């Protein structure tokens, strides 16, 4: 996590309560901010939130696209309508 924060200074750490899909809530480390991503000569800043589980690195982080309220998440191959990312890399962690 320290390496990620030094590599991507647009992310900020804090603790917050994460609620699992089962309804169970727990206090976890949250990294939120924007992820600068170059694409076709432009850099786009995607707003993301990473939740680091207590069992990390045995379990992958929970990754969400978290746009401002006025923006809507367009579901795609690896993102649901709630912004949760389901990338094969995370599934095969």
N, C-alpha and C. Protein backbone atom coordinates (compact mmCIF):
# COMPACT_ATOMS: atom_id res chain seq x y z
N UNK A 1 0.83 -1.19 0.00
CA UNK A 1 0.00 0.00 0.00
C UNK A 1 0.87 1.25 0.00
N UNK A 2 1.97 1.22 0.71
CA UNK A 2 2.87 2.36 0.74
C UNK A 2 3.43 2.64 -0.66
N UNK A 3 3.79 1.58 -1.36
CA UNK A 3 4.31 1.74 -2.73
C UNK A 3 3.25 2.36 -3.64
N UNK A 4 2.01 1.89 -3.52
CA UNK A 4 0.92 2.44 -4.34
C UNK A 4 0.73 3.92 -4.07
N UNK A 5 0.74 4.31 -2.80
CA UNK A 5 0.53 5.72 -2.45
C UNK A 5 1.67 6.61 -2.93
N UNK A 6 2.90 6.08 -2.96
CA UNK A 6 4.01 6.89 -3.47
C UNK A 6 4.01 6.93 -4.99
N UNK A 7 3.48 5.89 -5.63
CA UNK A 7 3.40 5.85 -7.09
C UNK A 7 2.23 6.64 -7.63
N UNK A 8 1.11 6.61 -6.92
CA UNK A 8 -0.11 7.31 -7.34
C UNK A 8 -0.50 8.30 -6.25
N UNK A 9 0.12 9.50 -6.25
CA UNK A 9 -0.13 10.47 -5.17
C UNK A 9 -1.54 11.06 -5.17
N UNK A 10 -2.35 10.76 -6.18
CA UNK A 10 -3.72 11.26 -6.23
C UNK A 10 -4.67 10.43 -5.36
N UNK A 11 -4.16 9.33 -4.77
CA UNK A 11 -4.97 8.51 -3.86
C UNK A 11 -4.69 8.92 -2.41
N UNK A 12 -5.74 8.96 -1.61
CA UNK A 12 -5.61 9.33 -0.19
C UNK A 12 -6.10 8.19 0.69
N UNK A 13 -5.34 7.87 1.74
CA UNK A 13 -5.77 6.80 2.65
C UNK A 13 -6.62 7.34 3.80
N UNK A 14 -7.52 6.49 4.28
CA UNK A 14 -8.29 6.75 5.49
C UNK A 14 -8.94 5.45 5.89
N UNK A 15 -9.50 5.40 7.07
CA UNK A 15 -10.29 4.24 7.46
C UNK A 15 -11.76 4.61 7.34
N UNK A 16 -12.56 3.63 6.98
CA UNK A 16 -14.00 3.85 6.83
C UNK A 16 -14.70 2.51 6.97
N UNK A 17 -15.99 2.56 7.17
CA UNK A 17 -16.78 1.34 7.31
C UNK A 17 -17.20 0.85 5.93
N UNK A 18 -16.85 -0.39 5.64
CA UNK A 18 -17.22 -1.05 4.38
C UNK A 18 -18.32 -2.06 4.68
N UNK A 19 -19.38 -2.05 3.89
CA UNK A 19 -20.46 -3.02 4.06
C UNK A 19 -20.40 -4.03 2.91
N UNK A 20 -20.18 -5.28 3.27
CA UNK A 20 -20.12 -6.36 2.30
C UNK A 20 -21.50 -6.64 1.72
N UNK A 21 -21.55 -7.39 0.63
CA UNK A 21 -22.83 -7.76 0.01
C UNK A 21 -23.69 -8.60 0.94
N UNK A 22 -23.06 -9.23 1.93
CA UNK A 22 -23.80 -10.04 2.92
C UNK A 22 -24.47 -9.18 3.99
N UNK A 23 -24.12 -7.88 4.03
CA UNK A 23 -24.66 -6.98 5.04
C UNK A 23 -23.71 -6.78 6.21
N UNK A 24 -22.67 -7.60 6.30
CA UNK A 24 -21.66 -7.48 7.36
C UNK A 24 -20.83 -6.21 7.13
N UNK A 25 -20.63 -5.40 8.16
CA UNK A 25 -19.84 -4.18 8.06
C UNK A 25 -18.58 -4.30 8.90
N UNK A 26 -17.50 -3.68 8.42
CA UNK A 26 -16.25 -3.66 9.19
C UNK A 26 -15.43 -2.43 8.80
N UNK A 27 -14.56 -2.04 9.71
CA UNK A 27 -13.67 -0.90 9.50
C UNK A 27 -12.48 -1.38 8.67
N UNK A 28 -12.28 -0.75 7.50
CA UNK A 28 -11.20 -1.13 6.60
C UNK A 28 -10.41 0.09 6.16
N UNK A 29 -9.24 -0.15 5.61
CA UNK A 29 -8.45 0.90 4.98
C UNK A 29 -9.08 1.19 3.63
N UNK A 30 -9.27 2.46 3.35
CA UNK A 30 -9.86 2.90 2.09
C UNK A 30 -8.87 3.83 1.40
N UNK A 31 -8.61 3.58 0.13
CA UNK A 31 -7.80 4.48 -0.69
C UNK A 31 -8.73 5.06 -1.74
N UNK A 32 -8.84 6.38 -1.77
CA UNK A 32 -9.74 6.98 -2.75
C UNK A 32 -9.09 8.19 -3.40
N UNK A 33 -9.53 8.46 -4.61
CA UNK A 33 -9.00 9.57 -5.39
C UNK A 33 -9.15 9.26 -6.86
N UNK A 34 -8.24 9.78 -7.65
CA UNK A 34 -8.31 9.53 -9.08
C UNK A 34 -7.09 8.72 -9.53
N UNK A 35 -7.32 7.93 -10.56
CA UNK A 35 -6.27 7.12 -11.15
C UNK A 35 -5.98 7.67 -12.54
N UNK A 36 -4.85 8.39 -12.70
CA UNK A 36 -4.51 8.93 -14.02
C UNK A 36 -4.21 7.78 -15.00
N UNK A 37 -4.93 7.76 -16.12
CA UNK A 37 -4.80 6.68 -17.09
C UNK A 37 -4.61 7.25 -18.49
N UNK A 38 -3.42 7.05 -19.09
CA UNK A 38 -3.21 7.53 -20.45
C UNK A 38 -3.97 6.65 -21.46
N UNK A 39 -4.59 7.30 -22.42
CA UNK A 39 -5.33 6.59 -23.47
C UNK A 39 -5.36 7.45 -24.72
N UNK A 40 -4.76 6.93 -25.80
CA UNK A 40 -4.75 7.62 -27.10
C UNK A 40 -4.26 9.06 -27.01
N UNK A 41 -3.15 9.25 -26.31
CA UNK A 41 -2.54 10.57 -26.23
C UNK A 41 -3.14 11.50 -25.20
N UNK A 42 -4.18 11.09 -24.50
CA UNK A 42 -4.83 11.90 -23.47
C UNK A 42 -4.68 11.17 -22.13
N UNK A 43 -4.72 11.92 -21.05
CA UNK A 43 -4.74 11.30 -19.71
C UNK A 43 -6.09 11.57 -19.09
N UNK A 44 -6.75 10.49 -18.70
CA UNK A 44 -8.06 10.57 -18.06
C UNK A 44 -7.89 10.23 -16.58
N UNK A 45 -8.57 10.97 -15.72
CA UNK A 45 -8.49 10.74 -14.28
C UNK A 45 -9.76 10.04 -13.82
N UNK A 46 -9.66 8.72 -13.65
CA UNK A 46 -10.80 7.93 -13.22
C UNK A 46 -10.93 7.97 -11.71
N UNK A 47 -12.10 8.37 -11.18
CA UNK A 47 -12.30 8.36 -9.73
C UNK A 47 -12.52 6.93 -9.25
N UNK A 48 -11.69 6.49 -8.30
CA UNK A 48 -11.78 5.12 -7.81
C UNK A 48 -11.72 5.10 -6.28
N UNK A 49 -12.20 4.00 -5.74
CA UNK A 49 -12.06 3.71 -4.31
C UNK A 49 -11.62 2.26 -4.18
N UNK A 50 -10.55 2.05 -3.44
CA UNK A 50 -10.05 0.71 -3.14
C UNK A 50 -10.29 0.44 -1.66
N UNK A 51 -10.88 -0.68 -1.35
CA UNK A 51 -11.06 -1.11 0.03
C UNK A 51 -10.10 -2.26 0.26
N UNK A 52 -9.25 -2.14 1.25
CA UNK A 52 -8.24 -3.15 1.53
C UNK A 52 -8.76 -4.07 2.65
N UNK A 53 -9.04 -5.34 2.32
CA UNK A 53 -9.57 -6.24 3.36
C UNK A 53 -8.51 -6.57 4.41
N UNK A 54 -8.96 -6.97 5.56
CA UNK A 54 -8.04 -7.32 6.65
C UNK A 54 -7.14 -8.49 6.26
N UNK A 55 -7.60 -9.32 5.36
CA UNK A 55 -6.84 -10.50 4.95
C UNK A 55 -5.92 -10.22 3.76
N UNK A 56 -5.81 -8.97 3.35
CA UNK A 56 -4.90 -8.60 2.26
C UNK A 56 -3.47 -8.92 2.68
N UNK A 57 -2.64 -9.50 1.87
CA UNK A 57 -2.74 -9.74 0.43
C UNK A 57 -3.27 -11.11 0.06
N UNK A 58 -3.78 -11.88 1.01
CA UNK A 58 -4.36 -13.18 0.64
C UNK A 58 -5.64 -13.00 -0.17
N UNK A 59 -6.36 -11.93 0.07
CA UNK A 59 -7.57 -11.61 -0.68
C UNK A 59 -7.36 -10.30 -1.42
N UNK A 60 -7.98 -10.14 -2.59
CA UNK A 60 -7.80 -8.91 -3.36
C UNK A 60 -8.55 -7.73 -2.75
N UNK A 61 -8.15 -6.52 -3.10
CA UNK A 61 -8.93 -5.35 -2.66
C UNK A 61 -10.29 -5.33 -3.38
N UNK A 62 -11.22 -4.62 -2.78
CA UNK A 62 -12.52 -4.38 -3.42
C UNK A 62 -12.34 -3.07 -4.18
N UNK A 63 -12.59 -3.08 -5.47
CA UNK A 63 -12.32 -1.92 -6.32
C UNK A 63 -13.64 -1.38 -6.88
N UNK A 64 -13.80 -0.06 -6.77
CA UNK A 64 -15.00 0.61 -7.26
C UNK A 64 -14.62 1.82 -8.09
N UNK A 65 -15.38 2.07 -9.16
CA UNK A 65 -15.34 3.34 -9.86
C UNK A 65 -16.33 4.22 -9.12
N UNK A 66 -15.89 5.42 -8.69
CA UNK A 66 -16.75 6.26 -7.85
C UNK A 66 -16.85 7.68 -8.40
N UNK A 67 -17.65 7.85 -9.46
CA UNK A 67 -17.79 9.18 -10.05
C UNK A 67 -18.61 10.10 -9.16
N UNK A 68 -18.53 11.40 -9.41
CA UNK A 68 -19.37 12.35 -8.66
C UNK A 68 -20.86 12.04 -8.88
N UNK A 69 -21.70 12.57 -8.02
CA UNK A 69 -23.14 12.31 -8.05
C UNK A 69 -23.78 12.60 -9.40
N UNK A 70 -23.30 13.64 -10.11
CA UNK A 70 -23.91 14.02 -11.38
C UNK A 70 -23.53 13.11 -12.54
N UNK A 71 -22.60 12.18 -12.30
CA UNK A 71 -22.20 11.24 -13.34
C UNK A 71 -22.77 9.86 -13.03
N UNK A 72 -23.01 9.10 -14.08
CA UNK A 72 -23.56 7.76 -13.93
C UNK A 72 -22.51 6.75 -14.38
N UNK A 73 -22.40 5.65 -13.67
CA UNK A 73 -21.50 4.58 -14.06
C UNK A 73 -22.16 3.79 -15.18
N UNK A 74 -21.47 3.69 -16.30
CA UNK A 74 -21.97 2.86 -17.40
C UNK A 74 -21.44 1.45 -17.20
N UNK A 75 -22.34 0.50 -16.94
CA UNK A 75 -21.86 -0.87 -16.73
C UNK A 75 -21.20 -1.40 -18.00
N UNK A 76 -20.20 -2.22 -17.80
CA UNK A 76 -19.48 -2.79 -18.93
C UNK A 76 -19.04 -4.20 -18.61
N UNK A 77 -18.01 -4.64 -19.31
CA UNK A 77 -17.52 -6.01 -19.14
C UNK A 77 -17.06 -6.29 -17.71
N UNK A 78 -16.47 -5.30 -17.06
CA UNK A 78 -15.86 -5.55 -15.75
C UNK A 78 -16.38 -4.63 -14.65
N UNK A 79 -17.43 -3.85 -14.91
CA UNK A 79 -17.97 -2.90 -13.92
C UNK A 79 -19.49 -3.03 -13.90
N UNK A 80 -20.07 -3.14 -12.68
CA UNK A 80 -21.53 -3.20 -12.60
C UNK A 80 -22.11 -1.80 -12.41
N UNK A 81 -23.43 -1.68 -12.32
CA UNK A 81 -24.08 -0.37 -12.21
C UNK A 81 -23.74 0.35 -10.92
N UNK A 82 -23.31 -0.39 -9.89
CA UNK A 82 -22.89 0.22 -8.63
C UNK A 82 -21.44 0.66 -8.63
N UNK A 83 -20.73 0.42 -9.74
CA UNK A 83 -19.33 0.82 -9.85
C UNK A 83 -18.34 -0.24 -9.41
N UNK A 84 -18.82 -1.39 -8.92
CA UNK A 84 -17.92 -2.46 -8.47
C UNK A 84 -17.21 -3.07 -9.68
N UNK A 85 -15.89 -3.21 -9.57
CA UNK A 85 -15.08 -3.77 -10.64
C UNK A 85 -14.89 -5.27 -10.43
N UNK A 86 -15.12 -6.03 -11.49
CA UNK A 86 -14.97 -7.48 -11.47
C UNK A 86 -13.98 -7.88 -12.55
N UNK A 87 -12.76 -7.44 -12.43
CA UNK A 87 -11.75 -7.74 -13.43
C UNK A 87 -11.22 -9.17 -13.22
N UNK A 88 -10.88 -9.88 -14.31
CA UNK A 88 -10.33 -11.23 -14.16
C UNK A 88 -9.09 -11.29 -13.27
N UNK A 89 -8.29 -10.23 -13.27
CA UNK A 89 -7.11 -10.20 -12.39
C UNK A 89 -7.53 -10.31 -10.93
N UNK A 90 -8.58 -9.62 -10.55
CA UNK A 90 -9.07 -9.68 -9.17
C UNK A 90 -9.71 -11.03 -8.87
N UNK A 91 -10.44 -11.57 -9.84
CA UNK A 91 -11.11 -12.86 -9.65
C UNK A 91 -10.09 -13.99 -9.49
N UNK A 92 -8.95 -13.87 -10.16
CA UNK A 92 -7.93 -14.91 -10.08
C UNK A 92 -6.85 -14.62 -9.06
N UNK A 93 -7.07 -13.67 -8.19
CA UNK A 93 -6.07 -13.22 -7.21
C UNK A 93 -5.52 -14.33 -6.44
